Amino acid sequence: MPKTLFFAILASAMTLIASPSAQSEDTKPVMTSETKALLKPEKSGLLPIDGVNYYYAVYGKGEPLLLLHGGLGSSDMFAPILPKFAEHRTVIAVDLQGHGRTALGERPLGLEAMGDDMAAIVKALGYDKVDVMGYSLGGGVAFRMAVQHPEAVRRLVMVSTGYAANGFYDEMRPQQAQVSAAAAEFMKDTPMYKSYVAVAPKPEDFPKLLDALGAFMRKDYDFSADVPKLKMPVMLVYGDSDMYKPEHEIKFFQMLGGGLKDAGWMREHLSQNRLAIIPNRTHYDVFFAPELVASTLPFLDGVTKVKTWDEIVSE
């Protein structure tokens, strides 16, 4: 299998984790017995929504946070950081259509449809309004949920997520077009395949999932007209070596009203929206970075106050 195609599947499909050779020991997630114990959900189950039988799991106590994973992954990919969120929040983790414990079904993959589904899921679980955090594919689903159902989203965090297909580095788009069931046989030794067959209700659907993702990624998209519809506070998070062009990330933030002027001595021009660039992280390991919890929790909690220079000097 050509190396470029392998990484196209990893990157373009908004992957579970990078290939073992691409990760250092420092970036691999560490799963301790204590972490595994903390990952036991308060409740879990399946919800039939518009022809898709979605798996969900609920962890922790506090304000609700809907957590959405990346492509070719599942909610399990947040295992290294989910316990930290669950210490402060009721975390609602959902396996997206065709991923993890949610069967693919016959409906085509689409961000808009899954955005509607997420709103239906939180309503079915008894929540009127939730905070939402999505990574990569999950970030796109979170974006569509917030645009299509703004009444259901209090705060929105998008991790490694763009608003248009031209945000990817130019070499990525041709590689994305190659993703198909033909790659399934070559992926049997990869963590994406192994994690899929371990929990999928129909493990034999893996080639169909690759076909569905390929068809999804071959479609051009540009949601720039919808960005101004995001009236709730929004936070964008990227690795400093992400798969999106830095100018796309900055443009996204500016379209949200951030990065347009100095915040002012008294923070009087501070935008309600936030941008975080996590150093030494890529698209393939930012989703389990400890800094992701540290940077997003204050935003999700609505914490904006920091000590002023005068207060620090006075102390």
Protein backbone atom coordinates (compact mmCIF):
# COMPACT_ATOMS: atom_id res chain seq x y z
CA MET A 1 0.00 0.00 0.00
CA PRO A 2 1.55 3.36 -0.94
CA LYS A 3 2.67 5.34 2.09
CA THR A 4 0.92 8.46 0.79
CA LEU A 5 -2.41 6.64 0.59
CA PHE A 6 -1.97 5.22 4.08
CA PHE A 7 -1.46 8.68 5.53
CA ALA A 8 -4.26 10.05 3.38
CA ILE A 9 -6.58 7.62 5.11
CA LEU A 10 -5.19 8.66 8.47
CA ALA A 11 -5.36 12.37 7.83
CA SER A 12 -8.22 12.82 5.45
CA ALA A 13 -10.58 10.56 7.34
CA MET A 14 -9.96 12.55 10.53
CA THR A 15 -8.22 9.66 12.11
CA LEU A 16 -8.08 7.72 15.30
CA ILE A 17 -4.32 7.98 15.81
CA ALA A 18 -1.23 8.24 13.65
CA SER A 19 0.63 5.15 12.56
CA PRO A 20 2.95 3.78 15.25
CA SER A 21 6.02 4.86 13.29
CA ALA A 22 4.75 8.44 13.21
CA GLN A 23 4.38 8.71 16.99
CA SER A 24 7.03 9.23 19.60
CA GLU A 25 6.72 7.69 23.03
CA ASP A 26 5.87 11.16 24.37
CA THR A 27 2.78 11.53 22.18
CA LYS A 28 1.27 8.08 22.68
CA PRO A 29 -1.72 8.05 25.06
CA VAL A 30 -1.10 6.28 28.34
CA MET A 31 -3.93 4.10 29.63
CA THR A 32 -3.45 3.22 33.30
CA SER A 33 -5.68 0.89 35.31
CA GLU A 34 -6.94 3.96 37.19
CA THR A 35 -7.90 5.66 33.91
CA LYS A 36 -9.74 2.57 32.72
CA ALA A 37 -11.66 2.39 35.99
CA LEU A 38 -12.75 5.99 35.62
CA LEU A 39 -14.09 5.27 32.15
CA LYS A 40 -17.01 3.18 33.35
CA PRO A 41 -20.12 5.12 32.23
CA GLU A 42 -22.95 6.10 34.53
CA LYS A 43 -25.24 4.82 31.80
CA SER A 44 -25.03 3.83 28.15
CA GLY A 45 -27.21 2.44 25.42
CA LEU A 46 -28.48 2.76 21.88
CA LEU A 47 -30.81 5.44 20.52
CA PRO A 48 -32.55 5.01 17.14
CA ILE A 49 -32.36 8.38 15.37
CA ASP A 50 -33.42 8.80 11.72
CA GLY A 51 -32.43 5.29 10.68
CA VAL A 52 -29.17 5.18 12.68
CA ASN A 53 -28.84 3.29 15.96
CA TYR A 54 -26.49 5.59 17.89
CA TYR A 55 -24.42 4.38 20.82
CA TYR A 56 -24.02 6.84 23.68
CA ALA A 57 -22.37 6.74 27.11
CA VAL A 58 -22.72 9.21 29.98
CA TYR A 59 -19.92 9.89 32.47
CA GLY A 60 -19.50 12.13 35.50
CA LYS A 61 -21.62 14.85 37.09
CA GLY A 62 -22.16 18.52 36.32
CA GLU A 63 -23.14 20.66 33.35
CA PRO A 64 -23.65 18.54 30.21
CA LEU A 65 -20.88 18.33 27.59
CA LEU A 66 -21.48 16.48 24.32
CA LEU A 67 -18.17 15.01 23.15
CA LEU A 68 -17.74 13.98 19.49
CA HIS A 69 -14.79 11.99 18.16
CA GLY A 70 -12.92 12.01 14.86
CA GLY A 71 -13.30 9.82 11.79
CA LEU A 72 -12.31 6.13 11.91
CA GLY A 73 -12.35 6.45 15.68
CA SER A 74 -14.94 6.26 18.42
CA SER A 75 -15.63 7.91 21.75
CA ASP A 76 -12.87 5.63 23.11
CA MET A 77 -10.24 7.83 21.48
CA PHE A 78 -10.83 10.42 24.23
CA ALA A 79 -9.98 7.85 26.92
CA PRO A 80 -6.77 9.59 28.09
CA ILE A 81 -8.57 12.89 28.79
CA LEU A 82 -12.23 11.98 29.28
CA PRO A 83 -11.82 11.35 33.05
CA LYS A 84 -10.57 14.92 33.50
CA PHE A 85 -13.66 16.32 31.78
CA ALA A 86 -15.89 13.95 33.79
CA GLU A 87 -14.49 15.38 37.04
CA HIS A 88 -16.22 18.66 36.16
CA ARG A 89 -18.95 17.75 33.67
CA THR A 90 -21.61 15.26 32.71
CA VAL A 91 -19.94 13.99 29.55
CA ILE A 92 -22.21 12.59 26.84
CA ALA A 93 -19.97 10.64 24.46
CA VAL A 94 -21.53 9.50 21.19
CA ASP A 95 -20.17 7.12 18.56
CA LEU A 96 -20.92 8.77 15.21
CA GLN A 97 -22.67 7.01 12.35
CA GLY A 98 -20.70 3.97 11.21
CA HIS A 99 -18.11 4.38 13.95
CA GLY A 100 -17.43 2.46 17.12
CA ARG A 101 -20.59 0.80 18.43
CA THR A 102 -22.89 2.66 16.02
CA ALA A 103 -23.67 0.69 12.86
CA LEU A 104 -23.26 2.39 9.49
CA GLY A 105 -26.73 1.59 8.17
CA GLU A 106 -27.79 2.57 4.66
CA ARG A 107 -27.88 6.35 5.02
CA PRO A 108 -24.99 8.27 3.39
CA LEU A 109 -22.56 10.02 5.73
CA GLY A 110 -23.20 13.74 5.97
CA LEU A 111 -22.37 16.47 8.47
CA GLU A 112 -25.76 18.12 8.19
CA ALA A 113 -27.67 14.90 8.92
CA MET A 114 -25.43 13.98 11.83
CA GLY A 115 -25.76 17.53 13.18
CA ASP A 116 -29.53 17.04 13.28
CA ASP A 117 -29.01 13.63 14.89
CA MET A 118 -26.91 15.06 17.72
CA ALA A 119 -29.62 17.58 18.57
CA ALA A 120 -32.15 14.76 18.63
CA ILE A 121 -29.91 12.65 20.86
CA VAL A 122 -29.43 15.31 23.54
CA LYS A 123 -33.18 15.99 23.52
CA ALA A 124 -33.93 12.28 23.85
CA LEU A 125 -31.58 12.13 26.84
CA GLY A 126 -33.50 14.93 28.51
CA TYR A 127 -31.22 17.93 27.92
CA ASP A 128 -32.49 21.24 26.58
CA LYS A 129 -29.07 22.80 26.08
CA VAL A 130 -25.53 21.39 26.14
CA ASP A 131 -21.98 22.48 25.55
CA VAL A 132 -20.48 20.70 22.55
CA MET A 133 -16.91 19.76 21.78
CA GLY A 134 -15.98 17.96 18.58
CA TYR A 135 -12.67 16.86 17.11
CA SER A 136 -12.08 16.78 13.34
CA LEU A 137 -15.05 14.92 11.82
CA GLY A 138 -16.79 15.39 15.16
CA GLY A 139 -15.95 19.09 14.98
CA GLY A 140 -17.73 19.31 11.65
CA VAL A 141 -20.76 17.57 13.13
CA ALA A 142 -20.65 19.95 16.12
CA PHE A 143 -20.47 22.92 13.72
CA ARG A 144 -23.58 21.77 11.83
CA MET A 145 -25.44 21.04 15.06
CA ALA A 146 -24.72 24.58 16.30
CA VAL A 147 -25.78 26.16 12.98
CA GLN A 148 -28.91 24.06 12.55
CA HIS A 149 -29.94 23.87 16.22
CA PRO A 150 -28.47 26.93 17.96
CA GLU A 151 -31.07 26.69 20.70
CA ALA A 152 -29.49 23.40 21.82
CA VAL A 153 -25.88 24.60 22.03
CA ARG A 154 -24.62 26.84 24.84
CA ARG A 155 -20.91 26.86 24.03
CA LEU A 156 -19.05 25.26 21.13
CA VAL A 157 -15.49 23.94 20.91
CA MET A 158 -14.11 22.76 17.57
CA VAL A 159 -10.78 20.95 17.65
CA SER A 160 -8.80 20.59 14.40
CA THR A 161 -11.81 21.63 12.35
CA GLY A 162 -12.07 23.80 9.24
CA TYR A 163 -14.98 25.63 7.64
CA ALA A 164 -14.13 24.79 4.01
CA ALA A 165 -12.35 22.10 2.02
CA ASN A 166 -9.72 24.56 0.83
CA GLY A 167 -8.43 24.80 4.38
CA PHE A 168 -6.49 21.58 4.02
CA TYR A 169 -2.96 21.68 2.72
CA ASP A 170 -3.15 21.41 -1.05
CA GLU A 171 -1.66 17.92 -1.29
CA MET A 172 -4.35 16.51 0.97
CA ARG A 173 -7.34 16.84 -1.35
CA PRO A 174 -6.09 14.46 -4.09
CA GLN A 175 -5.17 11.96 -1.39
CA GLN A 176 -8.61 12.22 0.18
CA ALA A 177 -10.17 11.22 -3.13
CA GLN A 178 -8.37 7.86 -2.97
CA VAL A 179 -10.02 6.61 0.24
CA SER A 180 -12.19 3.57 -0.51
CA ALA A 181 -12.90 -0.04 0.43
CA ALA A 182 -9.86 -1.05 -1.61
CA ALA A 183 -7.68 0.02 1.32
CA ALA A 184 -9.43 -2.23 3.85
CA GLU A 185 -7.19 -5.26 3.40
CA PHE A 186 -4.06 -3.16 3.87
CA MET A 187 -5.37 -1.65 7.11
CA LYS A 188 -5.87 -4.86 9.08
CA ASP A 189 -2.73 -4.28 11.13
CA THR A 190 -3.57 -0.68 11.93
CA PRO A 191 -5.02 0.61 15.22
CA MET A 192 -8.02 2.03 13.32
CA TYR A 193 -9.08 -1.40 12.08
CA LYS A 194 -8.30 -3.20 15.34
CA SER A 195 -10.27 -0.71 17.43
CA TYR A 196 -13.17 -0.87 14.95
CA VAL A 197 -13.58 -4.66 14.92
CA ALA A 198 -13.24 -4.79 18.71
CA VAL A 199 -16.54 -2.96 19.27
CA ALA A 200 -18.42 -2.59 15.97
CA PRO A 201 -21.83 -4.32 15.81
CA LYS A 202 -20.98 -5.40 12.25
CA PRO A 203 -17.17 -5.66 11.89
CA GLU A 204 -17.57 -6.75 8.29
CA ASP A 205 -18.78 -3.22 7.46
CA PHE A 206 -15.29 -1.72 7.68
CA PRO A 207 -14.81 -1.62 3.88
CA LYS A 208 -18.25 -0.02 3.56
CA LEU A 209 -17.23 2.62 6.10
CA LEU A 210 -14.13 3.45 4.05
CA ASP A 211 -16.29 3.77 0.93
CA ALA A 212 -18.72 6.02 2.80
CA LEU A 213 -15.91 8.20 4.15
CA GLY A 214 -14.32 8.41 0.70
CA ALA A 215 -17.59 9.53 -0.88
CA PHE A 216 -18.05 12.05 1.92
CA MET A 217 -14.56 13.51 1.50
CA ARG A 218 -14.73 13.77 -2.27
CA LYS A 219 -17.49 16.36 -1.92
CA ASP A 220 -16.40 19.98 -1.91
CA TYR A 221 -17.79 22.16 0.86
CA ASP A 222 -17.62 25.74 2.09
CA PHE A 223 -19.58 26.69 5.20
CA SER A 224 -18.24 30.25 5.40
CA ALA A 225 -21.75 31.69 4.97
CA ASP A 226 -22.83 29.78 8.08
CA VAL A 227 -19.99 30.91 10.35
CA PRO A 228 -21.72 34.22 11.28
CA LYS A 229 -24.73 32.20 12.41
CA LEU A 230 -22.70 30.95 15.39
CA LYS A 231 -23.89 33.42 18.00
CA MET A 232 -22.88 31.31 20.99
CA PRO A 233 -19.31 31.54 22.35
CA VAL A 234 -16.98 29.48 20.14
CA MET A 235 -13.47 28.19 20.74
CA LEU A 236 -11.17 26.89 18.01
CA VAL A 237 -8.27 24.61 18.95
CA TYR A 238 -5.46 23.39 16.67
CA GLY A 239 -2.09 21.76 16.96
CA ASP A 240 0.70 24.01 15.76
CA SER A 241 1.44 21.38 13.11
CA ASP A 242 -2.16 20.59 12.19
CA MET A 243 -3.48 19.45 8.81
CA TYR A 244 -5.10 22.84 8.20
CA LYS A 245 -3.22 25.81 6.80
CA PRO A 246 -2.48 28.38 9.52
CA GLU A 247 -4.09 31.11 7.43
CA HIS A 248 -7.32 29.07 7.33
CA GLU A 249 -7.31 28.75 11.11
CA ILE A 250 -6.79 32.48 11.56
CA LYS A 251 -9.43 33.33 8.96
CA PHE A 252 -11.91 31.11 10.80
CA PHE A 253 -11.20 32.96 14.04
CA GLN A 254 -11.56 36.33 12.32
CA MET A 255 -14.86 35.29 10.75
CA LEU A 256 -16.05 34.64 14.30
CA GLY A 257 -15.08 38.18 15.29
CA GLY A 258 -11.76 37.41 16.94
CA GLY A 259 -8.31 38.61 15.96
CA LEU A 260 -9.56 41.83 14.38
CA LYS A 261 -8.17 44.38 16.83
CA ASP A 262 -6.23 44.77 20.04
CA ALA A 263 -8.31 43.72 23.06
CA GLY A 264 -7.63 47.00 24.86
CA TRP A 265 -6.03 47.88 28.19
CA MET A 266 -9.18 46.91 30.10
CA ARG A 267 -10.03 44.02 27.71
CA GLU A 268 -12.91 46.16 26.44
CA HIS A 269 -12.55 44.82 22.89
CA LEU A 270 -12.06 41.19 23.89
CA SER A 271 -14.05 38.82 21.68
CA GLN A 272 -16.30 36.24 23.29
CA ASN A 273 -14.60 33.65 21.10
CA ARG A 274 -11.23 31.99 21.63
CA LEU A 275 -8.37 30.52 19.62
CA ALA A 276 -5.84 28.06 21.05
CA ILE A 277 -2.78 26.74 19.23
CA ILE A 278 -1.24 23.87 21.19
CA PRO A 279 2.51 23.55 20.64
CA ASN A 280 4.18 20.30 19.60
CA ARG A 281 0.85 18.78 18.51
CA THR A 282 -0.45 17.56 15.17
CA HIS A 283 -3.87 16.59 13.86
CA TYR A 284 -3.13 13.03 14.92
CA ASP A 285 -2.40 13.58 18.61
CA VAL A 286 -4.06 16.87 19.61
CA PHE A 287 -7.24 15.07 20.71
CA PHE A 288 -5.54 13.49 23.70
CA ALA A 289 -3.23 16.39 24.61
CA PRO A 290 -3.48 17.30 28.33
CA GLU A 291 -3.44 20.94 27.24
CA LEU A 292 -6.76 20.38 25.50
CA VAL A 293 -8.51 19.97 28.86
CA ALA A 294 -6.60 22.83 30.48
CA SER A 295 -7.43 25.27 27.69
CA THR A 296 -11.05 24.34 27.01
CA LEU A 297 -12.51 23.81 30.49
CA PRO A 298 -12.26 27.48 31.57
CA PHE A 299 -13.92 28.48 28.29
CA LEU A 300 -16.68 25.91 28.73
CA ASP A 301 -17.20 27.17 32.29
CA GLY A 302 -17.50 30.74 31.03
CA VAL A 303 -14.42 31.90 32.93
CA THR A 304 -13.05 35.08 31.34
CA LYS A 305 -11.60 37.04 34.25
CA VAL A 306 -7.85 37.09 34.72
CA LYS A 307 -5.79 39.11 37.17
CA THR A 308 -4.86 42.55 35.90
CA TRP A 309 -1.31 43.85 35.93
CA ASP A 310 -2.35 46.28 38.68
CA GLU A 311 -3.71 43.44 40.83
CA ILE A 312 -0.53 41.43 40.41
CA VAL A 313 1.68 44.41 41.28
CA SER A 314 -0.50 45.18 44.32
CA GLU A 315 -0.07 41.65 45.60
